[in-house]
Amino acid sequence: MSPGAARRNLLPRCALVLAALLLPLAAHARKSDRDQPMDIDAGHQEGSLDERAPTVLSQGVVITQGTLHIQSDRAEIHLRDGEIRRAVLTGRPVQLRQEMDDGQPMHARARTVDYDLVTDIVTLTGDAYIEQPRGTMAGQRIVYNMATGHIESGGQNAGRVQMRINPRNRQGGD
């Protein structure tokens, strides 16, 4: 086999290995959390509890629902048809932690977290960082589809992405 042909055959194999390594970073959020009551604690609330205007929570917002725990400076909650449809959280930074369906912990932080509950897409912007036992991801913008596990980050205006993928036999640490 020529060196060029060997390189062409190696490229698809390398792509498969990389995809297999990244798969653990795309663990799914615990689905049963959505069936749990949502508890919200904040220093101040303003707005209505209907669809006329978003409800704005501020002064140390803490939201828990099942294994999901969120801390932010401010939360803007949008309702439609009596259901929460979107939550926009801001902070210095917003802190999230949740247990994934596989039982592994996930920690994330960003200056803004925009969670669309209809599409199950979470967009983290501003010094975004996600940490799981299998690795970390950091960038200025990370879009995470909680239903499919698909992650997109970086891009033309979102800066570069930094990732660390730990070997299977060594979860966490340096």
N, C-alpha and C. Protein backbone atom coordinates (compact mmCIF):
# COMPACT_ATOMS: atom_id res chain seq x y z
N MET A 1 0.85 -1.17 0.00
CA MET A 1 0.00 0.00 0.00
C MET A 1 0.90 1.23 0.00
N SER A 2 0.54 2.24 -0.79
CA SER A 2 1.34 3.46 -0.87
C SER A 2 1.16 4.28 0.40
N PRO A 3 2.14 5.15 0.75
CA PRO A 3 2.00 5.99 1.94
C PRO A 3 0.75 6.87 1.88
N GLY A 4 0.39 7.38 0.69
CA GLY A 4 -0.82 8.20 0.56
C GLY A 4 -2.07 7.41 0.86
N ALA A 5 -2.15 6.18 0.37
CA ALA A 5 -3.31 5.33 0.62
C ALA A 5 -3.40 4.96 2.10
N ALA A 6 -2.26 4.71 2.71
CA ALA A 6 -2.24 4.39 4.15
C ALA A 6 -2.78 5.56 4.96
N ARG A 7 -2.38 6.78 4.58
CA ARG A 7 -2.88 7.96 5.30
C ARG A 7 -4.38 8.13 5.09
N ARG A 8 -4.86 7.90 3.88
CA ARG A 8 -6.30 8.02 3.62
C ARG A 8 -7.10 7.00 4.43
N ASN A 9 -6.58 5.79 4.59
CA ASN A 9 -7.25 4.77 5.40
C ASN A 9 -7.18 5.09 6.88
N LEU A 10 -6.13 5.77 7.32
CA LEU A 10 -5.95 6.10 8.73
C LEU A 10 -6.91 7.20 9.18
N LEU A 11 -7.20 8.14 8.30
CA LEU A 11 -8.04 9.27 8.64
C LEU A 11 -9.43 8.85 9.14
N PRO A 12 -10.16 7.97 8.44
CA PRO A 12 -11.47 7.56 8.97
C PRO A 12 -11.36 6.85 10.31
N ARG A 13 -10.30 6.05 10.50
CA ARG A 13 -10.13 5.36 11.78
C ARG A 13 -9.88 6.35 12.90
N CYS A 14 -9.07 7.38 12.65
CA CYS A 14 -8.81 8.41 13.67
C CYS A 14 -10.10 9.15 14.02
N ALA A 15 -10.92 9.44 13.01
CA ALA A 15 -12.19 10.13 13.26
C ALA A 15 -13.10 9.27 14.14
N LEU A 16 -13.13 7.96 13.89
CA LEU A 16 -13.95 7.06 14.71
C LEU A 16 -13.44 7.01 16.15
N VAL A 17 -12.14 6.97 16.32
CA VAL A 17 -11.57 6.96 17.68
C VAL A 17 -11.91 8.25 18.40
N LEU A 18 -11.76 9.40 17.73
CA LEU A 18 -12.10 10.67 18.33
C LEU A 18 -13.57 10.72 18.71
N ALA A 19 -14.45 10.26 17.83
CA ALA A 19 -15.89 10.25 18.13
C ALA A 19 -16.18 9.37 19.34
N ALA A 20 -15.52 8.23 19.46
CA ALA A 20 -15.72 7.33 20.60
C ALA A 20 -15.24 7.99 21.90
N LEU A 21 -14.18 8.77 21.81
CA LEU A 21 -13.67 9.47 23.00
C LEU A 21 -14.61 10.58 23.44
N LEU A 22 -15.22 11.28 22.48
CA LEU A 22 -16.09 12.40 22.81
C LEU A 22 -17.47 11.96 23.28
N LEU A 23 -17.89 10.77 22.95
CA LEU A 23 -19.22 10.29 23.30
C LEU A 23 -19.53 10.43 24.80
N PRO A 24 -18.61 10.11 25.72
CA PRO A 24 -18.94 10.27 27.13
C PRO A 24 -19.22 11.70 27.54
N LEU A 25 -18.69 12.70 26.82
CA LEU A 25 -18.99 14.08 27.14
C LEU A 25 -20.43 14.44 26.79
N ALA A 26 -21.08 13.62 25.99
CA ALA A 26 -22.44 13.91 25.56
C ALA A 26 -23.47 13.07 26.32
N ALA A 27 -23.21 12.83 27.60
CA ALA A 27 -24.16 12.07 28.42
C ALA A 27 -25.48 12.83 28.52
N HIS A 28 -26.55 12.13 28.68
CA HIS A 28 -27.87 12.74 28.73
C HIS A 28 -28.24 13.14 30.15
N ALA A 29 -28.87 14.31 30.29
CA ALA A 29 -29.35 14.77 31.58
C ALA A 29 -30.42 13.82 32.09
N ARG A 30 -30.54 13.72 33.41
CA ARG A 30 -31.50 12.80 34.01
C ARG A 30 -32.92 13.20 33.60
N LYS A 31 -33.55 12.33 32.81
CA LYS A 31 -34.88 12.62 32.28
C LYS A 31 -35.95 12.69 33.36
N SER A 32 -35.79 11.90 34.42
CA SER A 32 -36.80 11.87 35.48
C SER A 32 -36.86 13.18 36.26
N ASP A 33 -35.83 14.03 36.15
CA ASP A 33 -35.88 15.33 36.84
C ASP A 33 -37.03 16.19 36.37
N ARG A 34 -37.40 16.07 35.09
CA ARG A 34 -38.50 16.88 34.54
C ARG A 34 -39.83 16.54 35.19
N ASP A 35 -39.95 15.33 35.79
CA ASP A 35 -41.20 14.92 36.44
C ASP A 35 -41.24 15.30 37.91
N GLN A 36 -40.19 15.92 38.40
CA GLN A 36 -40.11 16.32 39.81
C GLN A 36 -40.61 17.76 39.97
N PRO A 37 -41.06 18.12 41.19
CA PRO A 37 -41.45 19.51 41.42
C PRO A 37 -40.23 20.43 41.31
N MET A 38 -40.46 21.65 40.86
CA MET A 38 -39.38 22.64 40.78
C MET A 38 -39.51 23.58 41.97
N ASP A 39 -38.45 23.69 42.76
CA ASP A 39 -38.42 24.60 43.90
C ASP A 39 -37.54 25.78 43.56
N ILE A 40 -38.04 27.00 43.80
CA ILE A 40 -37.31 28.22 43.49
C ILE A 40 -37.22 29.06 44.75
N ASP A 41 -36.01 29.57 45.02
CA ASP A 41 -35.78 30.45 46.15
C ASP A 41 -35.04 31.67 45.62
N ALA A 42 -35.57 32.88 45.89
CA ALA A 42 -34.94 34.11 45.41
C ALA A 42 -35.21 35.23 46.39
N GLY A 43 -34.35 36.24 46.36
CA GLY A 43 -34.55 37.39 47.23
C GLY A 43 -35.64 38.32 46.74
N HIS A 44 -35.93 38.29 45.43
CA HIS A 44 -36.93 39.20 44.87
C HIS A 44 -37.57 38.56 43.65
N GLN A 45 -38.86 38.79 43.47
CA GLN A 45 -39.60 38.32 42.30
C GLN A 45 -40.44 39.45 41.79
N GLU A 46 -40.48 39.61 40.46
CA GLU A 46 -41.31 40.63 39.85
C GLU A 46 -41.89 40.08 38.56
N GLY A 47 -43.13 40.40 38.29
CA GLY A 47 -43.78 39.93 37.07
C GLY A 47 -45.06 39.21 37.40
N SER A 48 -45.55 38.50 36.43
CA SER A 48 -46.80 37.78 36.63
C SER A 48 -46.51 36.29 36.51
N LEU A 49 -47.42 35.52 37.01
CA LEU A 49 -47.29 34.07 36.89
C LEU A 49 -48.13 33.55 35.75
N ASP A 50 -48.35 34.41 34.76
CA ASP A 50 -49.06 34.00 33.56
C ASP A 50 -48.23 34.40 32.35
N GLU A 51 -48.83 34.42 31.20
CA GLU A 51 -48.09 34.62 29.96
C GLU A 51 -47.94 36.07 29.54
N ARG A 52 -48.50 37.01 30.30
CA ARG A 52 -48.44 38.42 29.91
C ARG A 52 -47.02 38.96 29.88
N ALA A 53 -46.21 38.54 30.81
CA ALA A 53 -44.83 39.02 30.89
C ALA A 53 -44.01 37.97 31.61
N PRO A 54 -42.71 37.93 31.35
CA PRO A 54 -41.89 36.95 32.07
C PRO A 54 -41.80 37.28 33.55
N THR A 55 -41.60 36.26 34.34
CA THR A 55 -41.34 36.45 35.76
C THR A 55 -39.83 36.61 35.92
N VAL A 56 -39.43 37.66 36.64
CA VAL A 56 -38.01 37.92 36.85
C VAL A 56 -37.70 37.68 38.32
N LEU A 57 -36.76 36.77 38.55
CA LEU A 57 -36.29 36.46 39.90
C LEU A 57 -34.88 37.02 40.02
N SER A 58 -34.55 37.56 41.21
CA SER A 58 -33.21 38.12 41.38
C SER A 58 -32.78 38.00 42.84
N GLN A 59 -31.58 38.50 43.11
CA GLN A 59 -31.00 38.51 44.45
C GLN A 59 -30.76 37.11 44.99
N GLY A 60 -29.94 36.37 44.30
CA GLY A 60 -29.56 35.04 44.77
C GLY A 60 -30.60 33.99 44.47
N VAL A 61 -30.71 33.61 43.22
CA VAL A 61 -31.72 32.64 42.77
C VAL A 61 -31.17 31.22 42.91
N VAL A 62 -31.95 30.36 43.54
CA VAL A 62 -31.60 28.94 43.66
C VAL A 62 -32.79 28.14 43.14
N ILE A 63 -32.54 27.29 42.15
CA ILE A 63 -33.59 26.46 41.55
C ILE A 63 -33.16 25.01 41.69
N THR A 64 -34.06 24.17 42.22
CA THR A 64 -33.78 22.74 42.29
C THR A 64 -34.97 21.99 41.70
N GLN A 65 -34.64 20.91 40.98
CA GLN A 65 -35.66 20.03 40.42
C GLN A 65 -35.02 18.66 40.28
N GLY A 66 -35.37 17.75 41.16
CA GLY A 66 -34.74 16.43 41.17
C GLY A 66 -33.26 16.58 41.47
N THR A 67 -32.40 16.08 40.59
CA THR A 67 -30.95 16.18 40.80
C THR A 67 -30.37 17.48 40.25
N LEU A 68 -31.20 18.28 39.55
CA LEU A 68 -30.74 19.54 38.99
C LEU A 68 -30.70 20.61 40.08
N HIS A 69 -29.56 21.31 40.17
CA HIS A 69 -29.38 22.40 41.13
C HIS A 69 -28.74 23.57 40.38
N ILE A 70 -29.41 24.74 40.41
CA ILE A 70 -28.93 25.92 39.70
C ILE A 70 -28.83 27.08 40.68
N GLN A 71 -27.74 27.85 40.56
CA GLN A 71 -27.58 29.08 41.32
C GLN A 71 -27.26 30.18 40.32
N SER A 72 -27.99 31.30 40.41
CA SER A 72 -27.75 32.43 39.51
C SER A 72 -28.07 33.73 40.23
N ASP A 73 -27.64 34.84 39.63
CA ASP A 73 -27.98 36.14 40.16
C ASP A 73 -29.40 36.54 39.76
N ARG A 74 -29.79 36.11 38.54
CA ARG A 74 -31.08 36.52 37.99
C ARG A 74 -31.62 35.40 37.11
N ALA A 75 -32.94 35.26 37.10
CA ALA A 75 -33.60 34.29 36.24
C ALA A 75 -34.84 34.94 35.65
N GLU A 76 -34.99 34.80 34.35
CA GLU A 76 -36.17 35.30 33.64
C GLU A 76 -36.92 34.07 33.13
N ILE A 77 -38.13 33.87 33.64
CA ILE A 77 -38.91 32.67 33.33
C ILE A 77 -40.07 33.06 32.40
N HIS A 78 -40.16 32.37 31.26
CA HIS A 78 -41.21 32.62 30.27
C HIS A 78 -42.19 31.44 30.28
N LEU A 79 -43.48 31.76 30.34
CA LEU A 79 -44.54 30.75 30.35
C LEU A 79 -45.34 30.80 29.05
N ARG A 80 -45.85 29.64 28.65
CA ARG A 80 -46.79 29.55 27.54
C ARG A 80 -47.69 28.36 27.82
N ASP A 81 -49.00 28.56 27.68
CA ASP A 81 -49.98 27.52 27.94
C ASP A 81 -49.82 26.94 29.35
N GLY A 82 -49.47 27.79 30.30
CA GLY A 82 -49.35 27.38 31.69
C GLY A 82 -48.09 26.61 32.03
N GLU A 83 -47.18 26.46 31.08
CA GLU A 83 -45.94 25.70 31.31
C GLU A 83 -44.73 26.61 31.14
N ILE A 84 -43.66 26.31 31.88
CA ILE A 84 -42.41 27.03 31.68
C ILE A 84 -41.84 26.59 30.34
N ARG A 85 -41.59 27.55 29.46
CA ARG A 85 -41.07 27.26 28.12
C ARG A 85 -39.60 27.63 27.97
N ARG A 86 -39.18 28.66 28.70
CA ARG A 86 -37.81 29.13 28.55
C ARG A 86 -37.36 29.78 29.85
N ALA A 87 -36.11 29.56 30.20
CA ALA A 87 -35.51 30.21 31.36
C ALA A 87 -34.16 30.78 30.93
N VAL A 88 -33.97 32.06 31.19
CA VAL A 88 -32.71 32.72 30.89
C VAL A 88 -32.09 33.12 32.22
N LEU A 89 -30.95 32.52 32.52
CA LEU A 89 -30.28 32.75 33.80
C LEU A 89 -28.99 33.52 33.57
N THR A 90 -28.72 34.48 34.43
CA THR A 90 -27.47 35.24 34.33
C THR A 90 -26.82 35.27 35.70
N GLY A 91 -25.51 35.38 35.69
CA GLY A 91 -24.78 35.41 36.96
C GLY A 91 -23.30 35.60 36.76
N ARG A 92 -22.61 35.57 37.86
CA ARG A 92 -21.15 35.75 37.85
C ARG A 92 -20.45 34.59 38.51
N PRO A 93 -20.48 33.43 38.02
CA PRO A 93 -21.29 32.91 36.91
C PRO A 93 -22.53 32.18 37.42
N VAL A 94 -23.36 31.74 36.48
CA VAL A 94 -24.44 30.80 36.77
C VAL A 94 -23.76 29.46 37.03
N GLN A 95 -24.19 28.74 38.06
CA GLN A 95 -23.63 27.43 38.40
C GLN A 95 -24.73 26.39 38.26
N LEU A 96 -24.45 25.29 37.55
CA LEU A 96 -25.40 24.19 37.41
C LEU A 96 -24.71 22.90 37.79
N ARG A 97 -25.47 22.03 38.40
CA ARG A 97 -25.00 20.66 38.59
C ARG A 97 -26.21 19.74 38.46
N GLN A 98 -25.94 18.56 37.90
CA GLN A 98 -27.01 17.60 37.68
C GLN A 98 -26.41 16.22 37.54
N GLU A 99 -27.18 15.24 37.93
CA GLU A 99 -26.78 13.86 37.72
C GLU A 99 -27.31 13.43 36.35
N MET A 100 -26.46 12.79 35.58
CA MET A 100 -26.85 12.33 34.25
C MET A 100 -27.61 11.00 34.37
N ASP A 101 -28.24 10.58 33.30
CA ASP A 101 -28.97 9.31 33.30
C ASP A 101 -28.08 8.13 33.66
N ASP A 102 -26.78 8.23 33.35
CA ASP A 102 -25.86 7.14 33.68
C ASP A 102 -25.33 7.23 35.11
N GLY A 103 -25.82 8.20 35.91
CA GLY A 103 -25.42 8.33 37.31
C GLY A 103 -24.20 9.21 37.53
N GLN A 104 -23.56 9.64 36.46
CA GLN A 104 -22.37 10.48 36.58
C GLN A 104 -22.76 11.93 36.85
N PRO A 105 -21.95 12.66 37.62
CA PRO A 105 -22.25 14.07 37.88
C PRO A 105 -21.83 14.95 36.70
N MET A 106 -22.53 16.07 36.53
CA MET A 106 -22.17 17.08 35.54
C MET A 106 -22.20 18.42 36.26
N HIS A 107 -21.15 19.20 36.08
CA HIS A 107 -21.09 20.56 36.62
C HIS A 107 -20.87 21.49 35.44
N ALA A 108 -21.56 22.63 35.44
CA ALA A 108 -21.40 23.60 34.37
C ALA A 108 -21.49 25.00 34.95
N ARG A 109 -20.85 25.94 34.24
CA ARG A 109 -20.96 27.34 34.63
C ARG A 109 -20.81 28.20 33.38
N ALA A 110 -21.43 29.38 33.43
CA ALA A 110 -21.36 30.36 32.34
C ALA A 110 -21.97 31.65 32.85
N ARG A 111 -21.70 32.75 32.16
CA ARG A 111 -22.31 34.02 32.57
C ARG A 111 -23.79 34.05 32.21
N THR A 112 -24.18 33.38 31.11
CA THR A 112 -25.59 33.30 30.72
C THR A 112 -25.93 31.87 30.33
N VAL A 113 -27.05 31.39 30.83
CA VAL A 113 -27.56 30.08 30.46
C VAL A 113 -28.98 30.29 29.95
N ASP A 114 -29.22 29.94 28.70
CA ASP A 114 -30.53 30.07 28.07
C ASP A 114 -31.05 28.66 27.82
N TYR A 115 -32.08 28.27 28.57
CA TYR A 115 -32.61 26.91 28.50
C TYR A 115 -33.98 26.95 27.85
N ASP A 116 -34.10 26.38 26.66
CA ASP A 116 -35.36 26.26 25.94
C ASP A 116 -35.94 24.89 26.29
N LEU A 117 -36.96 24.88 27.14
CA LEU A 117 -37.54 23.62 27.60
C LEU A 117 -38.34 22.91 26.52
N VAL A 118 -38.76 23.63 25.48
CA VAL A 118 -39.51 23.02 24.39
C VAL A 118 -38.59 22.14 23.56
N THR A 119 -37.39 22.65 23.23
CA THR A 119 -36.45 21.90 22.39
C THR A 119 -35.42 21.14 23.21
N ASP A 120 -35.37 21.36 24.53
CA ASP A 120 -34.37 20.76 25.42
C ASP A 120 -32.95 21.19 25.05
N ILE A 121 -32.81 22.42 24.56
CA ILE A 121 -31.49 22.94 24.20
C ILE A 121 -31.06 23.98 25.21
N VAL A 122 -29.85 23.80 25.74
CA VAL A 122 -29.25 24.72 26.69
C VAL A 122 -28.08 25.41 25.99
N THR A 123 -28.08 26.74 26.01
CA THR A 123 -26.98 27.50 25.42
C THR A 123 -26.26 28.24 26.54
N LEU A 124 -24.99 27.91 26.71
CA LEU A 124 -24.15 28.55 27.73
C LEU A 124 -23.24 29.54 27.02
N THR A 125 -23.21 30.79 27.46
CA THR A 125 -22.35 31.79 26.84
C THR A 125 -21.59 32.56 27.92
N GLY A 126 -20.41 33.02 27.55
CA GLY A 126 -19.58 33.79 28.46
C GLY A 126 -18.80 32.91 29.40
N ASP A 127 -17.57 32.58 29.05
CA ASP A 127 -16.70 31.73 29.88
C ASP A 127 -17.42 30.43 30.27
N ALA A 128 -18.03 29.78 29.29
CA ALA A 128 -18.77 28.54 29.52
C ALA A 128 -17.81 27.39 29.82
N TYR A 129 -18.22 26.53 30.75
CA TYR A 129 -17.37 25.41 31.17
C TYR A 129 -18.27 24.26 31.60
N ILE A 130 -18.01 23.08 31.08
CA ILE A 130 -18.75 21.87 31.46
C ILE A 130 -17.73 20.84 31.93
N GLU A 131 -18.01 20.23 33.08
CA GLU A 131 -17.11 19.21 33.63
C GLU A 131 -17.90 17.96 33.97
N GLN A 132 -17.39 16.83 33.48
CA GLN A 132 -17.92 15.52 33.82
C GLN A 132 -16.71 14.64 34.16
N PRO A 133 -16.91 13.51 34.83
CA PRO A 133 -15.76 12.67 35.17
C PRO A 133 -14.91 12.29 33.95
N ARG A 134 -15.54 12.18 32.79
CA ARG A 134 -14.81 11.75 31.60
C ARG A 134 -14.05 12.88 30.92
N GLY A 135 -14.33 14.15 31.30
CA GLY A 135 -13.59 15.23 30.68
C GLY A 135 -14.23 16.58 30.88
N THR A 136 -13.63 17.60 30.25
CA THR A 136 -14.10 18.97 30.37
C THR A 136 -14.20 19.61 28.99
N MET A 137 -15.01 20.67 28.92
CA MET A 137 -15.11 21.47 27.71
C MET A 137 -15.27 22.92 28.14
N ALA A 138 -14.54 23.82 27.48
CA ALA A 138 -14.62 25.24 27.81
C ALA A 138 -14.63 26.05 26.53
N GLY A 139 -15.33 27.16 26.54
CA GLY A 139 -15.39 28.05 25.39
C GLY A 139 -16.31 29.21 25.70
N GLN A 140 -16.44 30.12 24.76
CA GLN A 140 -17.31 31.27 24.97
C GLN A 140 -18.77 30.93 24.69
N ARG A 141 -19.02 29.87 23.94
CA ARG A 141 -20.41 29.48 23.66
C ARG A 141 -20.47 27.97 23.48
N ILE A 142 -21.33 27.33 24.25
CA ILE A 142 -21.54 25.89 24.15
C ILE A 142 -23.05 25.66 24.05
N VAL A 143 -23.48 24.94 23.01
CA VAL A 143 -24.89 24.61 22.82
C VAL A 143 -25.03 23.11 23.04
N TYR A 144 -25.89 22.75 24.00
CA TYR A 144 -26.03 21.35 24.40
C TYR A 144 -27.49 20.92 24.25
N ASN A 145 -27.74 19.92 23.41
CA ASN A 145 -29.08 19.36 23.24
C ASN A 145 -29.22 18.24 24.26
N MET A 146 -30.00 18.48 25.30
CA MET A 146 -30.14 17.49 26.37
C MET A 146 -30.88 16.25 25.92
N ALA A 147 -31.71 16.35 24.91
CA ALA A 147 -32.46 15.19 24.43
C ALA A 147 -31.59 14.23 23.62
N THR A 148 -30.70 14.78 22.80
CA THR A 148 -29.90 13.94 21.93
C THR A 148 -28.46 13.78 22.39
N GLY A 149 -28.00 14.67 23.28
CA GLY A 149 -26.61 14.65 23.72
C GLY A 149 -25.67 15.37 22.77
N HIS A 150 -26.20 15.98 21.70
CA HIS A 150 -25.37 16.69 20.72
C HIS A 150 -24.84 17.98 21.33
N ILE A 151 -23.53 18.24 21.15
CA ILE A 151 -22.88 19.44 21.66
C ILE A 151 -22.25 20.17 20.49
N GLU A 152 -22.42 21.50 20.47
CA GLU A 152 -21.75 22.33 19.48
C GLU A 152 -21.12 23.50 20.22
N SER A 153 -19.88 23.81 19.89
CA SER A 153 -19.22 24.92 20.56
C SER A 153 -18.22 25.58 19.63
N GLY A 154 -17.77 26.77 20.05
CA GLY A 154 -16.81 27.50 19.25
C GLY A 154 -17.46 28.09 18.02
N GLY A 155 -16.67 28.29 17.00
CA GLY A 155 -17.19 28.85 15.77
C GLY A 155 -16.60 30.22 15.52
N GLN A 156 -17.04 30.83 14.46
CA GLN A 156 -16.45 32.07 13.99
C GLN A 156 -16.43 33.18 15.05
N ASN A 157 -17.55 33.45 15.70
CA ASN A 157 -17.60 34.53 16.68
C ASN A 157 -17.56 34.04 18.12
N ALA A 158 -17.50 32.74 18.32
CA ALA A 158 -17.55 32.20 19.68
C ALA A 158 -16.18 31.78 20.20
N GLY A 159 -15.14 32.09 19.48
CA GLY A 159 -13.79 31.78 19.95
C GLY A 159 -13.47 30.30 19.83
N ARG A 160 -12.36 29.95 20.44
CA ARG A 160 -11.86 28.58 20.38
C ARG A 160 -12.45 27.74 21.50
N VAL A 161 -12.36 26.44 21.34
CA VAL A 161 -12.87 25.48 22.32
C VAL A 161 -11.69 24.72 22.91
N GLN A 162 -11.71 24.53 24.21
CA GLN A 162 -10.70 23.71 24.87
C GLN A 162 -11.39 22.50 25.46
N MET A 163 -10.78 21.33 25.24
CA MET A 163 -11.35 20.09 25.76
C MET A 163 -10.26 19.26 26.41
N ARG A 164 -10.64 18.51 27.42
CA ARG A 164 -9.78 17.50 28.00
C ARG A 164 -10.61 16.23 28.09
N ILE A 165 -10.08 15.14 27.54
CA ILE A 165 -10.75 13.85 27.59
C ILE A 165 -9.86 12.93 28.39
N ASN A 166 -10.34 12.51 29.55
CA ASN A 166 -9.58 11.63 30.43
C ASN A 166 -9.64 10.19 29.92
N PRO A 167 -8.56 9.43 30.12
CA PRO A 167 -8.62 8.01 29.75
C PRO A 167 -9.68 7.31 30.59
N ARG A 168 -10.22 6.25 30.07
CA ARG A 168 -11.29 5.52 30.76
C ARG A 168 -10.86 5.05 32.15
N ASN A 169 -9.61 4.72 32.32
CA ASN A 169 -9.15 4.20 33.62
C ASN A 169 -8.80 5.31 34.59
N ARG A 170 -8.97 6.58 34.19
CA ARG A 170 -8.62 7.69 35.07
C ARG A 170 -9.66 8.80 34.90
N GLN A 171 -10.67 8.81 35.73
CA GLN A 171 -11.73 9.78 35.66
C GLN A 171 -11.38 10.98 36.52
N GLY A 172 -11.35 12.20 35.92
CA GLY A 172 -11.05 13.43 36.64
C GLY A 172 -9.59 13.61 36.87
N GLY A 173 -9.22 14.68 37.57
CA GLY A 173 -7.84 14.96 37.91
C GLY A 173 -7.05 15.48 36.73
N ASP A 174 -5.76 15.76 36.98
CA ASP A 174 -4.87 16.26 35.92
C ASP A 174 -4.05 15.20 35.30
